[in-house]
Amino acid sequence: MDYQAVLFDFDFTLADASQAILAGFAHGFQVMGHPAPEEEAVRRTIGLTLEDAYTRLSGDGDPARQREFRDHFSQIAAPMQPAVTRMFPGAEELLRALKERGIPAAIVSTKRASTLRAVLEAKGLLPLFASITGGEMVSRQKPDPEGLLAAVADLGLTPGEALFCGDTIIDAQTAQRAGAPFCAVLNGTTPAEEFAPFPRVYIAQDLAALRQWLHL
């Protein structure tokens, strides 16, 4: 394998937290007087910040209301996530194979680092990661490359030495702006053809295919 580290988005790349996310959206929209959002529409926003997802689904761009929605969402979704988040098939095997080869794995996500750590600790997977960069740790969210560049630098690497894997166009844009090689993982709602305009080294149908491609 040519990469010195493999970095991942989390939601719909390594894991499915949609049960908690859907519950958080339903609660937040109800409390704030909006009609309940369609579940598939919510799934298509996974990967955006909560503020952007709220605005996309409600049409309400008021920053104060965005913050209010985050509070309502988190009240329900945050405590649910460690219990209901499901790691995708092949995730643990891929992460353990990277660990055995001495290749650092890291996460760069818009989800809060505290939530990510709680989920991974509940699954017994937290020790498999060299670092976790959550949305609250950066001043600019993906597709700005700030978080990815910081995570790569913390590993003592250059962007070209680290593979970034994600399920959305946002992830592809992040890698492109960082100058990092990108692998699309088709565990989410973005089909393979939508990655065509962006540089990528591989499109993996799932995490087992990614592991095989990496020769792990």
C-alpha atoms as a PDB file:
ATOM      1  CA  MET A   1       0.000   0.000   0.000  1.00  0.00           C
ATOM      2  CA  ASP A   2       1.325   3.415  -0.989  1.00  0.00           C
ATOM      3  CA  TYR A   3      -0.346   5.516   1.722  1.00  0.00           C
ATOM      4  CA  GLN A   4       1.200   6.364   5.079  1.00  0.00           C
ATOM      5  CA  ALA A   5      -2.212   6.923   6.728  1.00  0.00           C
ATOM      6  CA  VAL A   6      -5.896   6.479   5.942  1.00  0.00           C
ATOM      7  CA  LEU A   7      -8.367   9.127   7.094  1.00  0.00           C
ATOM      8  CA  PHE A   8     -12.118   8.672   7.084  1.00  0.00           C
ATOM      9  CA  ASP A   9     -15.303  10.638   7.215  1.00  0.00           C
ATOM     10  CA  PHE A  10     -17.611   8.926   9.729  1.00  0.00           C
ATOM     11  CA  ASP A  11     -21.343   9.078   8.963  1.00  0.00           C
ATOM     12  CA  PHE A  12     -22.268   6.838   6.015  1.00  0.00           C
ATOM     13  CA  THR A  13     -18.567   6.072   5.479  1.00  0.00           C
ATOM     14  CA  LEU A  14     -17.689   3.945   8.500  1.00  0.00           C
ATOM     15  CA  ALA A  15     -21.036   3.839  10.263  1.00  0.00           C
ATOM     16  CA  ASP A  16     -24.779   4.437  10.097  1.00  0.00           C
ATOM     17  CA  ALA A  17     -26.073   6.736  12.850  1.00  0.00           C
ATOM     18  CA  SER A  18     -29.239   7.591  10.937  1.00  0.00           C
ATOM     19  CA  GLN A  19     -31.622   6.191  13.575  1.00  0.00           C
ATOM     20  CA  ALA A  20     -30.430   8.763  16.107  1.00  0.00           C
ATOM     21  CA  ILE A  21     -30.135  11.504  13.481  1.00  0.00           C
ATOM     22  CA  LEU A  22     -33.712  10.950  12.285  1.00  0.00           C
ATOM     23  CA  ALA A  23     -34.977  11.045  15.865  1.00  0.00           C
ATOM     24  CA  GLY A  24     -33.082  14.273  16.519  1.00  0.00           C
ATOM     25  CA  PHE A  25     -34.501  15.938  13.414  1.00  0.00           C
ATOM     26  CA  ALA A  26     -38.046  14.829  14.195  1.00  0.00           C
ATOM     27  CA  HIS A  27     -37.784  16.227  17.719  1.00  0.00           C
ATOM     28  CA  GLY A  28     -36.146  19.489  16.677  1.00  0.00           C
ATOM     29  CA  PHE A  29     -38.631  20.182  13.899  1.00  0.00           C
ATOM     30  CA  GLN A  30     -41.600  19.387  16.141  1.00  0.00           C
ATOM     31  CA  VAL A  31     -40.427  21.659  18.950  1.00  0.00           C
ATOM     32  CA  MET A  32     -39.695  24.483  16.514  1.00  0.00           C
ATOM     33  CA  GLY A  33     -43.062  24.236  14.766  1.00  0.00           C
ATOM     34  CA  HIS A  34     -41.959  22.783  11.433  1.00  0.00           C
ATOM     35  CA  PRO A  35     -43.659  19.891   9.631  1.00  0.00           C
ATOM     36  CA  ALA A  36     -41.823  16.631  10.161  1.00  0.00           C
ATOM     37  CA  PRO A  37     -39.108  16.243   7.508  1.00  0.00           C
ATOM     38  CA  GLU A  38     -39.175  13.233   5.207  1.00  0.00           C
ATOM     39  CA  GLU A  39     -36.726  10.588   6.392  1.00  0.00           C
ATOM     40  CA  GLU A  40     -35.030  10.204   3.014  1.00  0.00           C
ATOM     41  CA  ALA A  41     -34.585  13.961   2.785  1.00  0.00           C
ATOM     42  CA  VAL A  42     -32.871  13.917   6.182  1.00  0.00           C
ATOM     43  CA  ARG A  43     -30.595  11.063   5.083  1.00  0.00           C
ATOM     44  CA  ARG A  44     -29.501  13.101   2.065  1.00  0.00           C
ATOM     45  CA  THR A  45     -28.296  15.884   4.376  1.00  0.00           C
ATOM     46  CA  ILE A  46     -26.021  13.607   6.416  1.00  0.00           C
ATOM     47  CA  GLY A  47     -22.540  15.003   5.927  1.00  0.00           C
ATOM     48  CA  LEU A  48     -23.657  18.634   6.113  1.00  0.00           C
ATOM     49  CA  THR A  49     -23.361  20.589   9.335  1.00  0.00           C
ATOM     50  CA  LEU A  50     -26.539  20.444  11.414  1.00  0.00           C
ATOM     51  CA  GLU A  51     -27.066  24.149  10.769  1.00  0.00           C
ATOM     52  CA  ASP A  52     -26.897  23.727   6.994  1.00  0.00           C
ATOM     53  CA  ALA A  53     -29.075  20.610   7.119  1.00  0.00           C
ATOM     54  CA  TYR A  54     -31.696  22.444   9.178  1.00  0.00           C
ATOM     55  CA  THR A  55     -31.773  25.341   6.715  1.00  0.00           C
ATOM     56  CA  ARG A  56     -31.932  23.061   3.687  1.00  0.00           C
ATOM     57  CA  LEU A  57     -34.908  21.156   5.087  1.00  0.00           C
ATOM     58  CA  SER A  58     -36.787  24.020   6.749  1.00  0.00           C
ATOM     59  CA  GLY A  59     -35.896  27.039   4.610  1.00  0.00           C
ATOM     60  CA  ASP A  60     -35.036  28.901   7.820  1.00  0.00           C
ATOM     61  CA  GLY A  61     -31.568  30.485   7.643  1.00  0.00           C
ATOM     62  CA  ASP A  62     -31.727  32.495  10.873  1.00  0.00           C
ATOM     63  CA  PRO A  63     -28.475  31.764  12.764  1.00  0.00           C
ATOM     64  CA  ALA A  64     -30.256  31.947  16.126  1.00  0.00           C
ATOM     65  CA  ARG A  65     -32.818  29.385  14.969  1.00  0.00           C
ATOM     66  CA  GLN A  66     -30.029  27.194  13.607  1.00  0.00           C
ATOM     67  CA  ARG A  67     -28.392  27.208  17.041  1.00  0.00           C
ATOM     68  CA  GLU A  68     -31.726  26.479  18.676  1.00  0.00           C
ATOM     69  CA  PHE A  69     -32.225  23.510  16.368  1.00  0.00           C
ATOM     70  CA  ARG A  70     -28.789  22.124  17.250  1.00  0.00           C
ATOM     71  CA  ASP A  71     -29.704  22.240  20.927  1.00  0.00           C
ATOM     72  CA  HIS A  72     -33.015  20.427  20.396  1.00  0.00           C
ATOM     73  CA  PHE A  73     -31.420  17.893  18.048  1.00  0.00           C
ATOM     74  CA  SER A  74     -28.557  17.136  20.412  1.00  0.00           C
ATOM     75  CA  GLN A  75     -30.874  16.643  23.366  1.00  0.00           C
ATOM     76  CA  ILE A  76     -32.305  13.556  21.657  1.00  0.00           C
ATOM     77  CA  ALA A  77     -29.634  12.366  19.229  1.00  0.00           C
ATOM     78  CA  ALA A  78     -26.443  12.665  21.290  1.00  0.00           C
ATOM     79  CA  PRO A  79     -27.393  10.191  24.056  1.00  0.00           C
ATOM     80  CA  MET A  80     -28.830   7.766  21.484  1.00  0.00           C
ATOM     81  CA  GLN A  81     -25.817   7.546  19.211  1.00  0.00           C
ATOM     82  CA  PRO A  82     -23.491   5.259  21.214  1.00  0.00           C
ATOM     83  CA  ALA A  83     -26.261   2.671  21.521  1.00  0.00           C
ATOM     84  CA  VAL A  84     -27.858   2.754  18.082  1.00  0.00           C
ATOM     85  CA  THR A  85     -25.006   3.613  15.702  1.00  0.00           C
ATOM     86  CA  ARG A  86     -24.172   0.639  13.511  1.00  0.00           C
ATOM     87  CA  MET A  87     -20.686   0.170  12.103  1.00  0.00           C
ATOM     88  CA  PHE A  88     -20.830  -0.902   8.476  1.00  0.00           C
ATOM     89  CA  PRO A  89     -19.789  -4.456   7.572  1.00  0.00           C
ATOM     90  CA  GLY A  90     -16.043  -4.605   7.105  1.00  0.00           C
ATOM     91  CA  ALA A  91     -15.310  -1.482   9.171  1.00  0.00           C
ATOM     92  CA  GLU A  92     -13.759  -3.237  12.146  1.00  0.00           C
ATOM     93  CA  GLU A  93     -11.793  -5.619   9.950  1.00  0.00           C
ATOM     94  CA  LEU A  94     -10.398  -2.740   7.891  1.00  0.00           C
ATOM     95  CA  LEU A  95      -9.444  -0.719  10.949  1.00  0.00           C
ATOM     96  CA  ARG A  96      -7.773  -3.681  12.657  1.00  0.00           C
ATOM     97  CA  ALA A  97      -5.861  -4.515   9.485  1.00  0.00           C
ATOM     98  CA  LEU A  98      -4.543  -0.946   9.320  1.00  0.00           C
ATOM     99  CA  LYS A  99      -3.528  -1.136  12.979  1.00  0.00           C
ATOM    100  CA  GLU A 100      -1.706  -4.429  12.462  1.00  0.00           C
ATOM    101  CA  ARG A 101       0.238  -2.918   9.558  1.00  0.00           C
ATOM    102  CA  GLY A 102       1.169   0.131  11.617  1.00  0.00           C
ATOM    103  CA  ILE A 103      -0.768   2.470   9.325  1.00  0.00           C
ATOM    104  CA  PRO A 104      -2.548   5.222  11.296  1.00  0.00           C
ATOM    105  CA  ALA A 105      -6.290   5.643  10.871  1.00  0.00           C
ATOM    106  CA  ALA A 106      -8.030   8.917  11.695  1.00  0.00           C
ATOM    107  CA  ILE A 107     -11.453  10.543  11.437  1.00  0.00           C
ATOM    108  CA  VAL A 108     -12.298  13.985  10.052  1.00  0.00           C
ATOM    109  CA  SER A 109     -16.014  14.649  10.518  1.00  0.00           C
ATOM    110  CA  THR A 110     -18.552  17.412  11.054  1.00  0.00           C
ATOM    111  CA  LYS A 111     -19.890  15.362  13.984  1.00  0.00           C
ATOM    112  CA  ARG A 112     -18.631  16.445  17.400  1.00  0.00           C
ATOM    113  CA  ALA A 113     -15.493  14.663  18.566  1.00  0.00           C
ATOM    114  CA  SER A 114     -17.097  13.886  21.917  1.00  0.00           C
ATOM    115  CA  THR A 115     -19.921  12.027  20.152  1.00  0.00           C
ATOM    116  CA  LEU A 116     -17.501  10.192  17.886  1.00  0.00           C
ATOM    117  CA  ARG A 117     -15.417   9.090  20.859  1.00  0.00           C
ATOM    118  CA  ALA A 118     -18.484   7.934  22.767  1.00  0.00           C
ATOM    119  CA  VAL A 119     -19.679   5.860  19.803  1.00  0.00           C
ATOM    120  CA  LEU A 120     -16.282   4.313  19.131  1.00  0.00           C
ATOM    121  CA  GLU A 121     -15.667   3.589  22.797  1.00  0.00           C
ATOM    122  CA  ALA A 122     -19.034   1.802  22.998  1.00  0.00           C
ATOM    123  CA  LYS A 123     -17.998  -0.344  20.015  1.00  0.00           C
ATOM    124  CA  GLY A 124     -14.526  -1.048  21.428  1.00  0.00           C
ATOM    125  CA  LEU A 125     -12.909   0.645  18.433  1.00  0.00           C
ATOM    126  CA  LEU A 126     -11.536   3.873  19.882  1.00  0.00           C
ATOM    127  CA  PRO A 127      -7.962   2.513  20.311  1.00  0.00           C
ATOM    128  CA  LEU A 128      -7.799   1.838  16.565  1.00  0.00           C
ATOM    129  CA  PHE A 129      -7.668   5.574  15.745  1.00  0.00           C
ATOM    130  CA  ALA A 130      -4.612   7.792  15.926  1.00  0.00           C
ATOM    131  CA  SER A 131      -6.745  10.944  15.991  1.00  0.00           C
ATOM    132  CA  ILE A 132     -10.318  12.198  15.773  1.00  0.00           C
ATOM    133  CA  THR A 133     -11.144  15.641  14.394  1.00  0.00           C
ATOM    134  CA  GLY A 134     -14.697  16.764  15.089  1.00  0.00           C
ATOM    135  CA  GLY A 135     -16.647  19.706  13.790  1.00  0.00           C
ATOM    136  CA  GLU A 136     -16.190  21.751  16.955  1.00  0.00           C
ATOM    137  CA  MET A 137     -12.400  21.567  16.569  1.00  0.00           C
ATOM    138  CA  VAL A 138     -12.209  23.655  13.394  1.00  0.00           C
ATOM    139  CA  SER A 139     -13.235  27.175  12.454  1.00  0.00           C
ATOM    140  CA  ARG A 140     -14.300  26.176   8.925  1.00  0.00           C
ATOM    141  CA  GLN A 141     -16.217  23.000   8.134  1.00  0.00           C
ATOM    142  CA  LYS A 142     -15.760  20.662   5.179  1.00  0.00           C
ATOM    143  CA  PRO A 143     -15.389  21.157   2.239  1.00  0.00           C
ATOM    144  CA  ASP A 144     -12.871  23.609   3.635  1.00  0.00           C
ATOM    145  CA  PRO A 145      -9.744  21.461   4.100  1.00  0.00           C
ATOM    146  CA  GLU A 146      -8.811  22.905   7.516  1.00  0.00           C
ATOM    147  CA  GLY A 147      -9.652  19.766   9.508  1.00  0.00           C
ATOM    148  CA  LEU A 148      -8.130  17.345   7.025  1.00  0.00           C
ATOM    149  CA  LEU A 149      -4.924  19.347   6.721  1.00  0.00           C
ATOM    150  CA  ALA A 150      -4.604  19.604  10.495  1.00  0.00           C
ATOM    151  CA  ALA A 151      -5.156  15.865  10.971  1.00  0.00           C
ATOM    152  CA  VAL A 152      -2.567  15.013   8.325  1.00  0.00           C
ATOM    153  CA  ALA A 153      -0.046  17.447   9.798  1.00  0.00           C
ATOM    154  CA  ASP A 154      -0.573  15.991  13.281  1.00  0.00           C
ATOM    155  CA  LEU A 155       0.483  12.630  11.861  1.00  0.00           C
ATOM    156  CA  GLY A 156       3.682  14.209  10.548  1.00  0.00           C
ATOM    157  CA  LEU A 157       2.642  13.662   6.932  1.00  0.00           C
ATOM    158  CA  THR A 158       1.959  15.685   3.811  1.00  0.00           C
ATOM    159  CA  PRO A 159      -1.516  15.561   2.212  1.00  0.00           C
ATOM    160  CA  GLY A 160      -0.275  13.444  -0.679  1.00  0.00           C
ATOM    161  CA  GLU A 161       0.807  10.701   1.726  1.00  0.00           C
ATOM    162  CA  ALA A 162      -2.635  10.248   3.299  1.00  0.00           C
ATOM    163  CA  LEU A 163      -5.733   8.739   1.688  1.00  0.00           C
ATOM    164  CA  PHE A 164      -9.058  10.378   2.578  1.00  0.00           C
ATOM    165  CA  CYS A 165     -12.171   8.202   2.311  1.00  0.00           C
ATOM    166  CA  GLY A 166     -15.712   9.589   2.317  1.00  0.00           C
ATOM    167  CA  ASP A 167     -19.215   9.090   0.995  1.00  0.00           C
ATOM    168  CA  THR A 168     -20.220  12.572  -0.196  1.00  0.00           C
ATOM    169  CA  ILE A 169     -19.299  15.202  -2.735  1.00  0.00           C
ATOM    170  CA  ILE A 170     -18.349  17.352   0.259  1.00  0.00           C
ATOM    171  CA  ASP A 171     -15.668  14.791   1.138  1.00  0.00           C
ATOM    172  CA  ALA A 172     -14.415  14.713  -2.456  1.00  0.00           C
ATOM    173  CA  GLN A 173     -14.164  18.513  -2.476  1.00  0.00           C
ATOM    174  CA  THR A 174     -12.348  18.469   0.857  1.00  0.00           C
ATOM    175  CA  ALA A 175      -9.711  16.074  -0.423  1.00  0.00           C
ATOM    176  CA  GLN A 176      -9.312  18.031  -3.655  1.00  0.00           C
ATOM    177  CA  ARG A 177      -8.781  21.312  -1.810  1.00  0.00           C
ATOM    178  CA  ALA A 178      -6.327  19.674   0.594  1.00  0.00           C
ATOM    179  CA  GLY A 179      -4.339  18.027  -2.200  1.00  0.00           C
ATOM    180  CA  ALA A 180      -5.003  14.572  -0.745  1.00  0.00           C
ATOM    181  CA  PRO A 181      -5.907  11.444  -2.735  1.00  0.00           C
ATOM    182  CA  PHE A 182      -9.592  10.580  -2.369  1.00  0.00           C
ATOM    183  CA  CYS A 183     -11.510   7.311  -2.267  1.00  0.00           C
ATOM    184  CA  ALA A 184     -15.296   7.389  -2.530  1.00  0.00           C
ATOM    185  CA  VAL A 185     -17.143   4.832  -0.403  1.00  0.00           C
ATOM    186  CA  LEU A 186     -20.670   4.082  -1.601  1.00  0.00           C
ATOM    187  CA  ASN A 187     -22.238   3.416   1.803  1.00  0.00           C
ATOM    188  CA  GLY A 188     -24.306   6.607   1.748  1.00  0.00           C
ATOM    189  CA  THR A 189     -26.809   8.316  -0.515  1.00  0.00           C
ATOM    190  CA  THR A 190     -24.368   9.583  -3.179  1.00  0.00           C
ATOM    191  CA  PRO A 191     -24.170   7.361  -6.284  1.00  0.00           C
ATOM    192  CA  ALA A 192     -20.867   6.630  -8.010  1.00  0.00           C
ATOM    193  CA  GLU A 193     -21.563   8.842 -11.039  1.00  0.00           C
ATOM    194  CA  GLU A 194     -21.761  11.988  -8.904  1.00  0.00           C
ATOM    195  CA  PHE A 195     -18.062  11.634  -8.067  1.00  0.00           C
ATOM    196  CA  ALA A 196     -17.097  11.845 -11.752  1.00  0.00           C
ATOM    197  CA  PRO A 197     -16.124  15.572 -11.706  1.00  0.00           C
ATOM    198  CA  PHE A 198     -13.678  15.075  -8.832  1.00  0.00           C
ATOM    199  CA  PRO A 199     -10.214  13.524  -8.616  1.00  0.00           C
ATOM    200  CA  ARG A 200     -10.365  10.080  -7.000  1.00  0.00           C
ATOM    201  CA  VAL A 201      -8.121   7.087  -6.857  1.00  0.00           C
ATOM    202  CA  TYR A 202     -10.849   4.511  -6.299  1.00  0.00           C
ATOM    203  CA  ILE A 203     -14.599   4.104  -5.812  1.00  0.00           C
ATOM    204  CA  ALA A 204     -15.311   1.368  -3.265  1.00  0.00           C
ATOM    205  CA  GLN A 205     -18.689  -0.331  -3.231  1.00  0.00           C
ATOM    206  CA  ASP A 206     -18.190  -1.053   0.451  1.00  0.00           C
ATOM    207  CA  LEU A 207     -15.496  -1.286   3.110  1.00  0.00           C
ATOM    208  CA  ALA A 208     -14.592  -4.867   2.242  1.00  0.00           C
ATOM    209  CA  ALA A 209     -13.809  -3.707  -1.296  1.00  0.00           C
ATOM    210  CA  LEU A 210     -11.721  -0.849   0.089  1.00  0.00           C
ATOM    211  CA  ARG A 211      -9.729  -3.229   2.265  1.00  0.00           C
ATOM    212  CA  GLN A 212      -9.101  -5.516  -0.682  1.00  0.00           C
ATOM    213  CA  TRP A 213      -8.019  -2.580  -2.867  1.00  0.00           C
ATOM    214  CA  LEU A 214      -5.597  -1.478  -0.170  1.00  0.00           C
ATOM    215  CA  HIS A 215      -4.134  -4.999  -0.062  1.00  0.00           C
ATOM    216  CA  LEU A 216      -4.743  -5.324   3.664  1.00  0.00           C
END
